[in-house]
Protein backbone atom coordinates (compact mmCIF):
# COMPACT_ATOMS: atom_id res chain seq x y z
CA MET A 1 -0.02 -0.05 -0.05
CA ALA A 2 1.39 3.47 -0.90
CA ILE A 3 1.17 5.56 2.28
CA LYS A 4 1.35 9.25 1.66
CA ILE A 5 1.02 12.39 3.91
CA PRO A 6 -1.44 14.79 2.15
CA LYS A 7 -0.26 18.28 3.09
CA LEU A 8 -3.26 20.10 1.78
CA LEU A 9 -5.64 17.93 3.95
CA ILE A 10 -3.35 18.54 6.97
CA ASN A 11 -3.31 22.17 6.60
CA GLU A 12 -7.14 22.40 6.40
CA LEU A 13 -7.46 20.11 9.38
CA VAL A 14 -5.18 22.47 11.25
CA LYS A 15 -7.37 25.40 10.27
CA LEU A 16 -10.50 23.52 11.49
CA ARG A 17 -8.59 22.84 14.78
CA LYS A 18 -8.80 18.99 14.29
CA LEU A 19 -4.97 18.78 14.41
CA THR A 20 -2.41 20.73 16.39
CA PRO A 21 1.16 21.45 15.47
CA ALA A 22 2.35 18.93 17.93
CA ASP A 23 -0.11 16.29 16.07
CA ILE A 24 1.50 17.27 12.64
CA GLU A 25 5.04 16.51 14.02
CA ALA A 26 4.02 13.07 15.11
CA LEU A 27 2.07 12.32 11.87
CA PRO A 28 4.94 10.52 9.98
CA LYS A 29 5.91 8.05 12.60
CA LEU A 30 2.35 7.35 13.37
CA VAL A 31 1.64 6.41 9.67
CA GLN A 32 4.66 4.53 9.43
CA LYS A 33 3.91 2.62 12.67
CA GLU A 34 0.21 2.08 11.86
CA GLY A 35 0.86 0.97 8.16
CA LYS A 36 -2.34 2.89 7.27
CA ASP A 37 -3.54 5.92 5.33
CA LEU A 38 -3.54 9.01 7.45
CA GLY A 39 -7.26 9.78 6.78
CA GLN A 40 -8.00 6.15 8.05
CA ILE A 41 -6.06 6.77 11.30
CA LEU A 42 -7.90 9.93 11.94
CA VAL A 43 -11.24 8.25 11.28
CA GLU A 44 -10.49 5.38 13.67
CA LYS A 45 -9.37 7.71 16.18
CA ASN A 46 -12.52 9.51 16.05
CA VAL A 47 -10.73 12.86 15.15
CA ILE A 48 -13.09 13.18 12.28
CA SER A 49 -16.01 11.13 10.82
CA ASP A 50 -15.64 9.36 7.62
CA ALA A 51 -18.50 11.36 6.21
CA ASP A 52 -17.21 14.57 7.28
CA LEU A 53 -13.79 13.87 5.93
CA LEU A 54 -15.18 12.73 2.51
CA GLN A 55 -17.24 16.22 2.38
CA LEU A 56 -13.92 18.12 3.41
CA LYS A 57 -12.05 16.23 0.46
CA VAL A 58 -14.85 17.38 -1.86
CA GLN A 59 -14.48 20.96 -0.97
CA LEU A 60 -10.60 21.02 -0.81
CA TYR A 61 -9.92 19.16 -4.13
CA GLY A 62 -12.88 20.13 -6.19
CA LEU A 63 -13.93 16.65 -7.16
CA PRO A 64 -17.43 15.01 -6.85
CA SER A 65 -18.07 12.16 -4.24
CA VAL A 66 -19.60 8.89 -4.91
CA ASP A 67 -20.92 6.28 -2.31
CA LEU A 68 -19.89 2.92 -3.67
CA ASP A 69 -22.10 1.11 -1.35
CA LYS A 70 -25.03 2.34 -3.21
CA ALA A 71 -23.40 2.28 -6.71
CA GLU A 72 -23.96 -0.66 -8.98
CA LEU A 73 -20.42 -1.88 -9.64
CA SER A 74 -19.35 -2.69 -13.35
CA LYS A 75 -17.47 -5.86 -13.66
CA GLU A 76 -16.03 -4.52 -17.02
CA ALA A 77 -14.80 -1.39 -15.05
CA LEU A 78 -13.02 -3.50 -12.27
CA LYS A 79 -11.20 -5.68 -15.03
CA GLU A 80 -9.62 -2.56 -16.39
CA ILE A 81 -7.21 -2.33 -13.29
CA SER A 82 -5.91 -5.24 -11.46
CA GLU A 83 -6.66 -5.77 -7.74
CA ASP A 84 -2.87 -5.29 -6.83
CA VAL A 85 -2.62 -1.91 -8.37
CA ALA A 86 -5.90 -0.69 -7.08
CA SER A 87 -5.03 -1.84 -3.51
CA PHE A 88 -1.45 -0.39 -3.67
CA TYR A 89 -2.88 3.28 -4.77
CA ARG A 90 -6.15 2.97 -3.05
CA ILE A 91 -8.31 3.56 -6.02
CA VAL A 92 -11.38 1.76 -7.42
CA PRO A 93 -12.68 1.73 -10.95
CA PHE A 94 -16.49 1.48 -10.39
CA ALA A 95 -18.06 2.26 -13.76
CA LYS A 96 -17.32 2.41 -17.50
CA GLU A 97 -19.20 4.23 -20.18
CA GLY A 98 -17.81 3.90 -23.59
CA ASN A 99 -14.10 5.10 -23.20
CA ILE A 100 -14.86 6.91 -20.03
CA LEU A 101 -13.75 5.01 -16.87
CA LYS A 102 -15.00 6.37 -13.41
CA ILE A 103 -12.45 5.93 -10.85
CA GLY A 104 -12.80 6.46 -6.92
CA ILE A 105 -9.78 7.95 -5.21
CA ILE A 106 -8.99 7.75 -1.50
CA ASP A 107 -6.22 10.37 -1.63
CA PRO A 108 -6.33 12.93 -4.47
CA GLU A 109 -2.92 14.19 -3.38
CA ASN A 110 -1.10 11.07 -4.11
CA ILE A 111 0.88 11.99 -7.08
CA GLU A 112 2.13 8.41 -7.73
CA ALA A 113 -1.42 7.23 -7.97
CA LEU A 114 -2.37 9.98 -10.36
CA GLU A 115 0.52 9.24 -12.52
CA ALA A 116 -0.29 5.59 -12.52
CA LEU A 117 -3.95 6.39 -13.56
CA LYS A 118 -2.49 8.66 -16.40
CA PHE A 119 -0.32 5.82 -17.57
CA ILE A 120 -3.23 3.28 -17.48
CA ALA A 121 -5.52 5.70 -19.39
CA SER A 122 -2.99 6.61 -22.11
CA ASP A 123 -2.10 2.87 -22.59
CA LYS A 124 -5.84 1.70 -22.90
CA GLY A 125 -7.16 4.88 -24.70
CA LEU A 126 -9.44 5.71 -21.84
CA THR A 127 -10.66 8.97 -20.34
CA LEU A 128 -10.82 9.10 -16.61
CA ASP A 129 -13.61 10.68 -14.38
CA LYS A 130 -12.20 11.03 -10.75
CA TYR A 131 -14.42 10.93 -7.62
CA VAL A 132 -13.29 10.96 -4.01
CA ILE A 133 -14.50 7.98 -1.95
CA GLY A 134 -14.78 7.28 1.73
CA TYR A 135 -12.97 4.50 3.61
CA GLN A 136 -16.08 2.44 4.51
CA SER A 137 -17.03 2.53 0.90
CA TYR A 138 -13.61 1.59 -0.29
CA ASP A 139 -13.44 -1.51 2.18
CA SER A 140 -16.68 -2.83 0.98
CA VAL A 141 -15.65 -2.56 -2.68
CA VAL A 142 -12.50 -4.55 -2.08
CA ARG A 143 -14.33 -7.64 -1.10
CA HIS A 144 -16.23 -7.49 -4.63
CA TYR A 145 -12.87 -6.76 -6.25
CA ARG A 146 -11.39 -10.12 -5.07
CA THR A 147 -14.25 -12.06 -6.30
CA LEU A 148 -14.25 -10.48 -9.71
CA THR A 149 -10.54 -10.57 -10.23
CA GLY A 150 -9.71 -13.83 -8.76
CA GLU A 151 -8.19 -15.19 -11.88
CA VAL A 152 -5.64 -12.32 -12.33
CA GLY A 153 -4.87 -12.63 -8.60
CA LYS A 154 -3.93 -16.09 -8.97
CA ALA A 155 -1.77 -15.49 -11.90
CA LEU A 156 0.14 -12.83 -10.16
CA GLU A 157 0.46 -15.05 -7.05
CA SER A 158 2.06 -17.76 -9.37
CA ILE A 159 5.12 -15.48 -10.01
CA SER A 160 6.76 -15.10 -6.58
CA GLU A 161 10.37 -14.19 -5.64
CA GLU A 162 10.92 -17.88 -5.12
CA ASP A 163 9.83 -18.87 -8.55
CA ALA A 164 12.05 -16.08 -10.09
CA ALA A 165 14.97 -17.47 -8.24
CA GLU A 166 14.53 -21.07 -9.12
CA LYS A 167 17.36 -22.98 -11.18
CA THR A 168 17.50 -23.70 -14.77
CA ASP A 169 15.33 -26.82 -14.43
CA GLU A 170 12.50 -24.71 -13.47
CA ASN A 171 13.06 -22.03 -16.04
CA ALA A 172 10.60 -23.38 -18.58
CA LYS A 173 7.92 -23.32 -15.91
CA ILE A 174 8.70 -19.57 -15.12
CA GLU A 175 8.70 -18.64 -18.74
CA GLU A 176 5.49 -20.20 -19.33
CA ILE A 177 3.90 -18.53 -16.17
CA THR A 178 5.47 -15.23 -16.95
CA ALA A 179 4.41 -15.32 -20.76
CA GLU A 180 0.81 -15.78 -19.82
CA SER A 181 0.45 -13.57 -16.84
CA PRO A 182 -0.71 -9.90 -16.56
CA VAL A 183 3.16 -9.18 -16.05
CA THR A 184 3.42 -9.50 -19.69
CA LYS A 185 0.86 -6.97 -20.20
CA ILE A 186 2.63 -4.65 -17.71
CA VAL A 187 5.91 -4.91 -19.38
CA SER A 188 4.49 -4.62 -22.91
CA ALA A 189 2.52 -1.35 -21.87
CA THR A 190 5.60 0.21 -20.33
CA LEU A 191 7.71 -0.45 -23.57
CA LYS A 192 4.95 0.82 -25.71
CA HIS A 193 4.43 3.87 -23.54
CA ALA A 194 8.11 4.74 -23.40
CA VAL A 195 8.58 4.63 -27.02
CA GLU A 196 5.55 6.76 -27.55
CA SER A 197 6.69 9.17 -25.07
CA ARG A 198 9.99 9.68 -26.99
CA ALA A 199 12.09 8.34 -24.03
CA SER A 200 15.60 7.32 -24.42
CA ASP A 201 15.76 5.11 -21.43
CA ILE A 202 13.61 3.16 -18.98
CA HIS A 203 14.62 2.76 -15.36
CA ILE A 204 12.84 0.10 -13.30
CA GLU A 205 14.00 0.64 -9.68
CA PRO A 206 12.96 -1.65 -6.67
CA PHE A 207 12.49 0.03 -3.16
CA ASP A 208 11.52 -1.20 0.20
CA ASP A 209 7.63 -0.83 -0.61
CA ARG A 210 7.31 -0.33 -4.13
CA VAL A 211 8.85 -0.50 -7.70
CA ARG A 212 9.41 2.81 -9.41
CA THR A 213 9.30 3.19 -13.30
CA ARG A 214 11.02 6.27 -14.79
CA PHE A 215 11.41 7.43 -18.31
CA ARG A 216 14.31 9.67 -19.52
CA ILE A 217 12.68 12.08 -21.73
CA ASP A 218 14.70 14.96 -23.43
CA GLY A 219 17.40 14.15 -20.90
CA ILE A 220 15.20 14.32 -17.59
CA LEU A 221 14.02 11.40 -15.62
CA ILE A 222 10.17 11.43 -15.08
CA THR A 223 8.14 8.85 -12.91
CA SER A 224 5.62 7.25 -15.13
CA LEU A 225 4.48 4.29 -13.21
CA THR A 226 4.87 2.93 -9.46
CA LEU A 227 4.04 -0.80 -8.97
CA PRO A 228 3.45 -2.86 -5.93
CA LYS A 229 6.73 -4.37 -4.59
CA ASN A 230 5.38 -8.01 -5.01
CA LEU A 231 5.45 -7.53 -8.74
CA HIS A 232 9.25 -6.69 -8.99
CA SER A 233 10.52 -10.23 -9.38
CA ALA A 234 7.86 -11.10 -12.09
CA VAL A 235 8.64 -7.98 -14.06
CA VAL A 236 12.45 -8.49 -13.84
CA THR A 237 11.95 -12.14 -14.93
CA ARG A 238 9.99 -11.28 -17.89
CA ILE A 239 12.62 -8.81 -19.18
CA LYS A 240 15.28 -11.28 -18.54
CA ILE A 241 13.52 -13.85 -20.72
CA LEU A 242 13.14 -11.44 -23.58
CA SER A 243 16.88 -10.43 -23.22
CA ASP A 244 18.02 -13.86 -22.96
CA LEU A 245 19.69 -13.33 -19.51
CA LYS A 246 20.08 -15.92 -16.63
CA ILE A 247 16.98 -15.89 -14.53
CA ASP A 248 18.62 -17.54 -11.51
CA GLU A 249 21.46 -15.11 -11.39
CA THR A 250 20.46 -12.10 -9.24
CA ARG A 251 23.87 -11.20 -7.57
CA LEU A 252 25.66 -10.02 -10.67
CA ALA A 253 25.13 -7.32 -13.26
CA GLN A 254 24.02 -8.71 -16.52
CA ASP A 255 23.80 -7.08 -20.24
CA GLY A 256 21.40 -8.16 -22.86
CA ARG A 257 19.24 -6.98 -25.86
CA PHE A 258 15.97 -7.66 -27.40
CA SER A 259 13.60 -6.11 -30.19
CA ILE A 260 9.96 -5.74 -30.32
CA MET A 261 7.45 -4.56 -33.26
CA LEU A 262 5.54 -1.50 -32.67
CA GLY A 263 3.23 -1.50 -35.60
CA LYS A 264 5.46 -1.91 -38.60
CA ARG A 265 8.42 -0.47 -36.70
CA LYS A 266 11.17 -2.39 -35.01
CA ILE A 267 12.55 -1.12 -31.87
CA ASP A 268 15.61 -2.37 -30.03
CA PHE A 269 16.23 -2.22 -26.28
CA ARG A 270 19.72 -2.63 -24.80
CA VAL A 271 19.15 -4.05 -21.37
CA SER A 272 21.33 -3.84 -18.10
CA THR A 273 20.53 -5.27 -14.72
CA PHE A 274 22.29 -4.24 -11.62
CA PRO A 275 21.84 -5.64 -8.08
CA THR A 276 20.77 -3.31 -5.44
CA LYS A 277 19.82 -3.69 -1.72
CA HIS A 278 16.04 -4.12 -2.52
CA GLY A 279 16.58 -6.26 -5.66
CA GLU A 280 17.67 -5.89 -9.24
CA LYS A 281 17.45 -2.65 -10.97
CA VAL A 282 16.80 -2.59 -14.73
CA VAL A 283 17.68 0.28 -17.21
CA MET A 284 16.60 -0.15 -20.79
CA ARG A 285 18.14 1.90 -23.49
CA ILE A 286 15.79 2.43 -26.42
CA LEU A 287 17.43 2.31 -29.79
CA ASP A 288 15.60 3.46 -32.74
CA PRO A 289 17.14 1.54 -35.68
CA LEU A 290 15.54 4.03 -38.08
CA ALA A 291 18.64 5.83 -38.64
CA ASN A 292 17.19 7.40 -41.66
CA LYS A 293 15.62 9.99 -39.29
CA VAL A 294 18.94 11.13 -38.34
CA ASP A 295 19.69 14.24 -40.10
CA LEU A 296 22.72 16.66 -39.31
CA ALA A 297 20.57 19.82 -39.76
CA THR A 298 17.95 18.52 -37.52
CA LEU A 299 20.67 17.71 -34.94
CA GLY A 300 21.81 21.28 -34.84
CA VAL A 301 24.71 21.26 -37.36
CA GLU A 302 24.45 24.52 -39.00
CA GLY A 303 26.46 27.68 -40.10
CA ARG A 304 30.17 27.48 -39.55
CA SER A 305 29.95 23.93 -37.92
CA SER A 306 28.14 22.70 -41.01
CA GLU A 307 30.72 24.09 -43.41
CA LEU A 308 33.70 22.67 -41.31
CA LEU A 309 32.14 19.22 -41.08
CA GLU A 310 31.53 19.11 -44.94
CA LYS A 311 34.92 20.25 -45.71
CA ALA A 312 36.35 17.44 -43.38
CA ILE A 313 34.11 14.95 -44.86
CA ALA A 314 35.15 16.01 -48.50
CA LYS A 315 38.99 15.17 -47.65
CA PRO A 316 40.40 11.73 -48.83
CA PHE A 317 41.75 11.01 -45.37
CA GLY A 318 41.93 12.21 -41.93
CA ILE A 319 40.21 11.95 -38.40
CA ILE A 320 36.92 13.70 -37.22
CA LEU A 321 36.58 13.44 -33.46
CA ILE A 322 33.15 14.26 -31.70
CA THR A 323 33.85 14.98 -28.13
CA GLY A 324 31.50 15.36 -25.00
CA PRO A 325 30.43 13.76 -21.78
CA THR A 326 28.21 10.72 -21.59
CA GLY A 327 24.68 11.58 -23.00
CA SER A 328 25.75 14.56 -25.01
CA GLY A 329 24.50 12.95 -28.36
CA LYS A 330 27.97 12.00 -29.78
CA SER A 331 26.74 8.60 -31.31
CA THR A 332 23.77 10.44 -32.91
CA THR A 333 26.15 13.02 -34.62
CA ILE A 334 28.27 10.06 -35.80
CA ALA A 335 25.27 8.21 -37.19
CA GLY A 336 24.08 11.50 -38.98
CA ILE A 337 27.66 11.95 -40.67
CA LEU A 338 27.49 8.33 -41.58
CA LYS A 339 24.14 8.71 -43.11
CA ARG A 340 25.36 11.68 -44.92
CA ILE A 341 28.45 10.01 -46.66
CA ASN A 342 26.76 6.60 -47.17
CA ASN A 343 26.60 5.46 -50.74
CA GLU A 344 27.46 2.47 -53.03
CA GLU A 345 30.75 3.71 -54.07
CA ILE A 346 32.54 3.46 -50.64
CA ASN A 347 33.02 0.77 -48.04
CA ILE A 348 32.08 1.90 -44.43
CA VAL A 349 33.00 -0.24 -41.53
CA THR A 350 32.22 0.48 -37.91
CA LEU A 351 33.12 -0.79 -34.53
CA GLU A 352 30.49 -0.09 -31.83
CA ASP A 353 29.72 -0.90 -28.24
CA PRO A 354 26.82 -1.18 -28.62
CA ILE A 355 25.45 -0.63 -32.19
CA GLU A 356 22.91 2.01 -31.48
CA TYR A 357 21.89 2.89 -34.96
CA PHE A 358 21.50 0.27 -37.63
CA ILE A 359 22.14 1.84 -41.04
CA ASP A 360 21.43 0.11 -44.22
CA GLY A 361 24.46 -0.31 -46.48
CA ILE A 362 27.01 0.04 -43.63
CA ASN A 363 29.11 -2.87 -42.28
CA GLN A 364 28.54 -2.66 -38.58
CA SER A 365 30.29 -4.84 -35.86
CA GLN A 366 29.78 -4.91 -32.03
CA ILE A 367 32.84 -5.47 -29.80
CA HIS A 368 32.87 -8.09 -27.27
CA GLU A 369 35.70 -7.40 -24.65
CA GLU A 370 34.80 -10.50 -22.88
CA ILE A 371 36.26 -12.51 -25.69
CA GLY A 372 38.96 -10.07 -26.47
CA TYR A 373 37.25 -8.57 -29.32
CA THR A 374 38.19 -4.89 -28.49
CA PHE A 375 38.16 -1.56 -30.25
CA ALA A 376 41.96 -2.10 -30.79
CA SER A 377 41.80 -5.76 -32.03
CA GLY A 378 38.64 -4.88 -34.08
CA LEU A 379 40.37 -1.98 -35.74
CA ARG A 380 43.31 -4.26 -36.79
CA HIS A 381 40.89 -6.51 -38.59
CA ILE A 382 38.91 -3.58 -40.20
CA LEU A 383 42.09 -2.56 -41.91
CA ARG A 384 41.98 -5.72 -43.82
CA GLN A 385 38.53 -5.34 -44.99
CA ASP A 386 39.52 -2.61 -47.58
CA PRO A 387 37.57 0.07 -45.88
CA ASP A 388 37.15 3.73 -47.13
CA VAL A 389 35.62 5.04 -44.01
CA ILE A 390 36.15 3.58 -40.53
CA MET A 391 34.10 4.43 -37.45
CA VAL A 392 35.54 3.60 -33.82
CA GLY A 393 32.82 4.00 -31.32
CA GLU A 394 35.31 5.52 -28.81
CA ILE A 395 39.10 5.96 -28.58
CA ARG A 396 39.66 4.86 -25.06
CA ASP A 397 43.48 3.95 -24.89
CA LYS A 398 46.82 4.42 -26.39
CA GLU A 399 46.56 1.40 -28.63
CA THR A 400 43.28 2.32 -30.16
CA ALA A 401 44.36 5.97 -30.50
CA SER A 402 47.63 4.76 -32.45
CA LEU A 403 45.80 2.62 -34.64
CA ALA A 404 43.22 5.26 -35.60
CA ILE A 405 46.11 7.69 -36.33
CA GLN A 406 47.83 4.90 -38.56
CA ALA A 407 44.53 4.34 -40.33
CA ALA A 408 44.26 7.97 -41.22
CA LEU A 409 47.74 8.21 -42.33
CA THR A 410 47.26 5.24 -44.79
CA GLY A 411 44.38 7.05 -46.63
CA HIS A 412 41.30 6.49 -44.64
CA ILE A 413 38.57 8.72 -43.13
CA VAL A 414 38.25 7.74 -39.43
CA LEU A 415 35.19 8.76 -37.32
CA SER A 416 35.37 8.45 -33.55
CA THR A 417 34.46 10.04 -30.24
CA LEU A 418 36.54 11.10 -27.29
CA HIS A 419 35.61 12.13 -23.66
CA THR A 420 36.85 15.82 -23.35
CA ASN A 421 35.02 19.04 -22.10
CA ASP A 422 35.71 21.00 -25.26
CA SER A 423 37.27 20.90 -28.65
CA LEU A 424 40.42 22.43 -27.52
CA GLY A 425 40.97 19.53 -25.04
CA VAL A 426 41.25 17.06 -27.73
CA ILE A 427 44.91 17.84 -28.66
CA PRO A 428 46.30 17.45 -25.02
CA ARG A 429 44.10 14.30 -24.63
CA LEU A 430 45.62 12.63 -27.69
CA ILE A 431 49.06 13.36 -26.43
CA ASP A 432 48.31 12.09 -22.87
CA MET A 433 47.14 8.81 -24.59
CA GLY A 434 50.72 8.45 -26.06
CA VAL A 435 50.15 9.98 -29.61
CA GLU A 436 53.32 11.61 -30.83
CA LYS A 437 52.69 15.41 -31.38
CA TYR A 438 53.98 15.25 -35.00
CA LEU A 439 51.34 12.80 -36.02
CA ILE A 440 48.37 15.03 -34.83
CA PRO A 441 48.56 17.92 -37.31
CA PRO A 442 48.60 15.61 -40.60
CA THR A 443 45.66 13.42 -39.34
CA LEU A 444 43.25 15.47 -37.35
CA ASN A 445 40.73 17.13 -39.72
CA VAL A 446 38.30 18.56 -37.00
CA ALA A 447 37.61 18.34 -33.48
CA ALA A 448 34.02 18.99 -32.60
CA ALA A 449 32.43 19.24 -29.02
CA GLN A 450 28.74 19.15 -28.34
CA ARG A 451 26.06 19.29 -25.55
CA LEU A 452 22.34 18.88 -25.84
CA LEU A 453 19.69 21.37 -25.14
CA ARG A 454 16.04 20.56 -24.76
CA ARG A 455 13.72 21.99 -27.56
CA LEU A 456 11.05 24.30 -26.67
CA CYS A 457 7.65 23.14 -27.76
CA SER A 458 6.98 25.12 -30.93
CA THR A 459 3.22 25.18 -30.20
CA CYS A 460 3.09 26.63 -26.71
CA LYS A 461 6.23 28.41 -26.15
CA ILE A 462 5.98 32.04 -24.96
CA GLU A 463 7.82 34.88 -26.67
CA THR A 464 9.04 37.81 -24.32
CA LYS A 465 11.26 40.80 -24.48
CA ALA A 466 14.74 39.87 -23.00
CA ASN A 467 15.32 41.70 -19.69
CA VAL A 468 18.25 43.71 -18.69
CA GLY A 469 20.15 40.76 -17.45
CA GLU A 470 19.27 38.57 -20.41
CA GLU A 471 20.28 41.32 -22.89
CA LYS A 472 23.73 41.65 -21.24
CA ILE A 473 24.40 37.80 -21.48
CA ILE A 474 23.27 38.02 -25.17
CA ASN A 475 25.02 40.89 -26.05
CA ASP A 476 28.31 39.82 -24.46
CA ALA A 477 28.02 36.57 -26.50
CA ILE A 478 27.48 38.44 -29.77
CA MET A 479 30.33 40.76 -29.20
CA SER A 480 32.75 38.05 -28.85
CA MET A 481 31.49 36.31 -32.08
CA PRO A 482 33.20 36.73 -35.50
CA ALA A 483 32.38 40.07 -37.27
CA LYS A 484 29.99 38.21 -39.62
CA TYR A 485 27.60 37.32 -36.85
CA GLN A 486 27.71 40.40 -35.02
CA LYS A 487 26.47 42.34 -38.18
CA GLU A 488 23.78 39.84 -38.75
CA ILE A 489 22.10 39.32 -35.41
CA SER A 490 23.09 42.27 -33.06
CA SER A 491 20.21 44.69 -32.21
CA SER A 492 20.05 47.97 -30.39
CA SER A 493 16.32 47.75 -29.84
CA GLY A 494 16.63 44.48 -27.65
CA TYR A 495 16.09 40.98 -28.20
CA ALA A 496 13.03 38.53 -28.42
CA VAL A 497 13.41 35.38 -26.14
CA PHE A 498 11.24 32.40 -25.72
CA LYS A 499 10.20 30.70 -22.41
CA PRO A 500 8.92 27.36 -21.78
CA ASN A 501 5.05 27.38 -21.01
CA LEU A 502 4.73 25.05 -17.92
CA LYS A 503 1.00 25.70 -17.48
CA SER A 504 -0.53 25.26 -21.00
CA GLY A 505 -1.46 21.75 -20.79
CA CYS A 506 -0.43 21.51 -24.62
CA LYS A 507 -1.25 18.26 -26.35
CA GLU A 508 1.70 18.61 -28.72
CA CYS A 509 4.33 18.25 -25.84
CA GLY A 510 2.22 16.71 -23.35
CA GLY A 511 2.40 19.74 -20.94
CA LYS A 512 6.16 19.43 -20.51
CA ALA A 513 6.78 22.51 -22.60
CA PHE A 514 9.78 20.93 -24.39
CA LYS A 515 9.78 18.32 -27.17
CA GLY A 516 13.00 16.75 -28.36
CA ARG A 517 16.50 18.02 -28.04
CA ILE A 518 18.90 19.88 -30.20
CA ALA A 519 22.81 20.04 -29.94
CA ILE A 520 25.06 22.94 -29.58
CA PHE A 521 28.44 22.72 -31.16
CA GLU A 522 31.88 24.05 -31.52
CA MET A 523 34.29 23.05 -34.20
CA MET A 524 38.21 23.49 -34.42
CA GLU A 525 39.99 22.77 -37.60
CA MET A 526 43.41 21.98 -38.11
CA THR A 527 45.34 24.94 -39.60
CA THR A 528 49.00 25.89 -40.12
CA LYS A 529 49.01 28.07 -37.21
CA LEU A 530 47.64 25.40 -34.89
CA GLU A 531 50.23 22.87 -36.17
CA GLU A 532 52.97 25.35 -35.14
CA ILE A 533 51.47 25.68 -31.57
CA ILE A 534 51.26 21.76 -31.40
CA LEU A 535 54.78 21.07 -32.55
CA GLY A 536 56.11 23.97 -30.46
CA ASN A 537 55.57 24.89 -26.93
CA LEU A 538 51.92 23.66 -26.55
CA SER A 539 49.92 26.15 -24.80
CA GLU A 540 46.14 26.22 -24.12
CA ALA A 541 46.14 30.06 -24.33
CA ALA A 542 47.77 30.02 -27.70
CA MET A 543 45.13 27.30 -28.92
CA ARG A 544 42.24 29.47 -27.57
CA GLU A 545 43.80 32.44 -29.53
CA GLU A 546 44.07 30.51 -32.58
CA ALA A 547 40.49 29.20 -32.25
CA LYS A 548 39.32 32.82 -32.08
CA GLN A 549 41.30 33.65 -35.15
CA GLN A 550 39.76 30.95 -37.01
CA GLY A 551 36.40 32.36 -36.28
CA MET A 552 35.28 29.66 -33.89
CA ILE A 553 31.66 29.88 -32.60
CA THR A 554 31.89 28.43 -29.04
CA MET A 555 29.13 26.07 -27.78
CA PHE A 556 27.71 28.79 -25.74
CA GLN A 557 27.61 31.18 -28.62
CA ASP A 558 25.96 28.44 -30.77
CA GLY A 559 23.41 28.12 -28.08
CA ILE A 560 22.68 31.89 -28.02
CA LEU A 561 22.09 31.69 -31.67
CA LYS A 562 19.55 28.92 -31.23
CA VAL A 563 17.92 30.91 -28.42
CA LEU A 564 17.51 33.95 -30.68
CA LYS A 565 15.91 31.64 -33.14
CA GLY A 566 13.39 30.46 -30.40
CA VAL A 567 14.55 26.79 -30.45
CA ALA A 568 15.84 26.87 -26.89
CA SER A 569 15.42 29.04 -23.73
CA LEU A 570 18.15 30.98 -22.26
CA GLU A 571 17.68 29.42 -18.90
CA GLU A 572 18.13 26.01 -20.39
CA LEU A 573 21.39 27.13 -22.11
CA LEU A 574 22.83 28.66 -19.00
CA GLU A 575 22.32 25.10 -17.28
CA VAL A 576 24.19 23.32 -19.97
CA ALA A 577 26.87 25.63 -20.98
CA GLN A 578 28.48 28.91 -19.65
CA SER A 579 29.69 32.00 -21.52
CA GLY A 580 33.31 31.32 -20.46
CA ASP A 581 33.40 27.81 -21.78
CA SER A 582 36.19 27.07 -24.45
CA ALA A 583 37.38 29.88 -26.73
């Protein structure tokens, strides 16, 4: 059972002198000790009657009430939500009219319950009518519920933690039970909802009393569903079966992969299990194989960045390095470049860990370090495959860096990623890895750094005039840009900026005010002057000055350009990049 402390209700009870400040301090411990809903405790202790409490909730939350003792319960409605879920959230579906499902709620302040209802409604295409119900009314319905949902209850009970921990001789039985149980529907609905929500990752996290499911949407983790703890083992088992992982191994982390068909669309999921105190946590990365949707312009590559990248791609050999922290979109940018250059006249071979975008016409290979197939060993084999373009997922060590350099020297275009804070950090990073200074200038075409910003919803974003502080930030960024940009975008009459509309209830973005992400870039190309700096007394200050002479647009400046276009908010940019970053 989900036990929450309804703050609005408490405050109202204090105003009515039903509770004192001393009572409020004792409430959390009392609720924990009793293991009951706060309102139920207050009714049992005669602080307030069930009827008076119900009427108070009606006034407080602006919802109608319903007496389920007098209502005719709909079997069809009860079947829409399992007994376990209803009991956990203290909710009751009591009537169904077309696609309208009427729901009774004990605590309208329970955010997790409301999110669960939203999830269920979205998955089943239902519209919810919410009502407040009393405790006596709820208890009487539970008895009917158990009668009407006995079949579901039995199926759920058949998947216990003991079952999930059985050895391999019991695995067939577990697979059979799990495949036929409502757990399959729960997992399927979760996957479907995550894809439709444009989530990049699904987190299934066990706690002492519940299982939380969170989706990472546009870089932010959002709780989408909370399940009863007794479903955890069954849900994890189902995911393990899909991913071909060991069901009986719960002490070690495991990695796997599976695919589902969503309509005519094949979606891949990369699965990682991780042992925690309360059981195995599961994270699933959603991999969209439709790489044809990856487009450099859509990703945010424009202006000077686009020019430099096109110039680097057109060269017969050399390295293009994309840098940034984990989750900054490096793999997506690489996929966009591969899509851009992919044609029947060239042989493109990749080494990835894992393969995130499947691109037709490209030879993609996944490394397996456990059997010795690493980036370094794979790169040696690739050179025997007569490649024109080589993509190495990440340069992690000296051996891989040296082989990538050699590949570039022998007439290949090499694409890869590196972990540095900015484009200037690429050169000292390569040197730290053991690459000789003199080998960098003739091989490095472009070093690009990137970060991701959430896109403002184009439908509900709000246009405002920049205030004094915002204007200063914008003007400072513009005045440090190359003269070309200063002339094009500087304004003496102020700037228009866009803000996220968090109160719109916009259908296009689901009320989140953001939809999708866009990258901000900075790119540094190899020049004669930069070569002199590298081969001489390597200095960060000298490289920074050379970057300015090149006309580099820093990530922050690129972000300012996108802010002025109304693509992103200034607040979002300031969280991701600072004006002093890089050049």
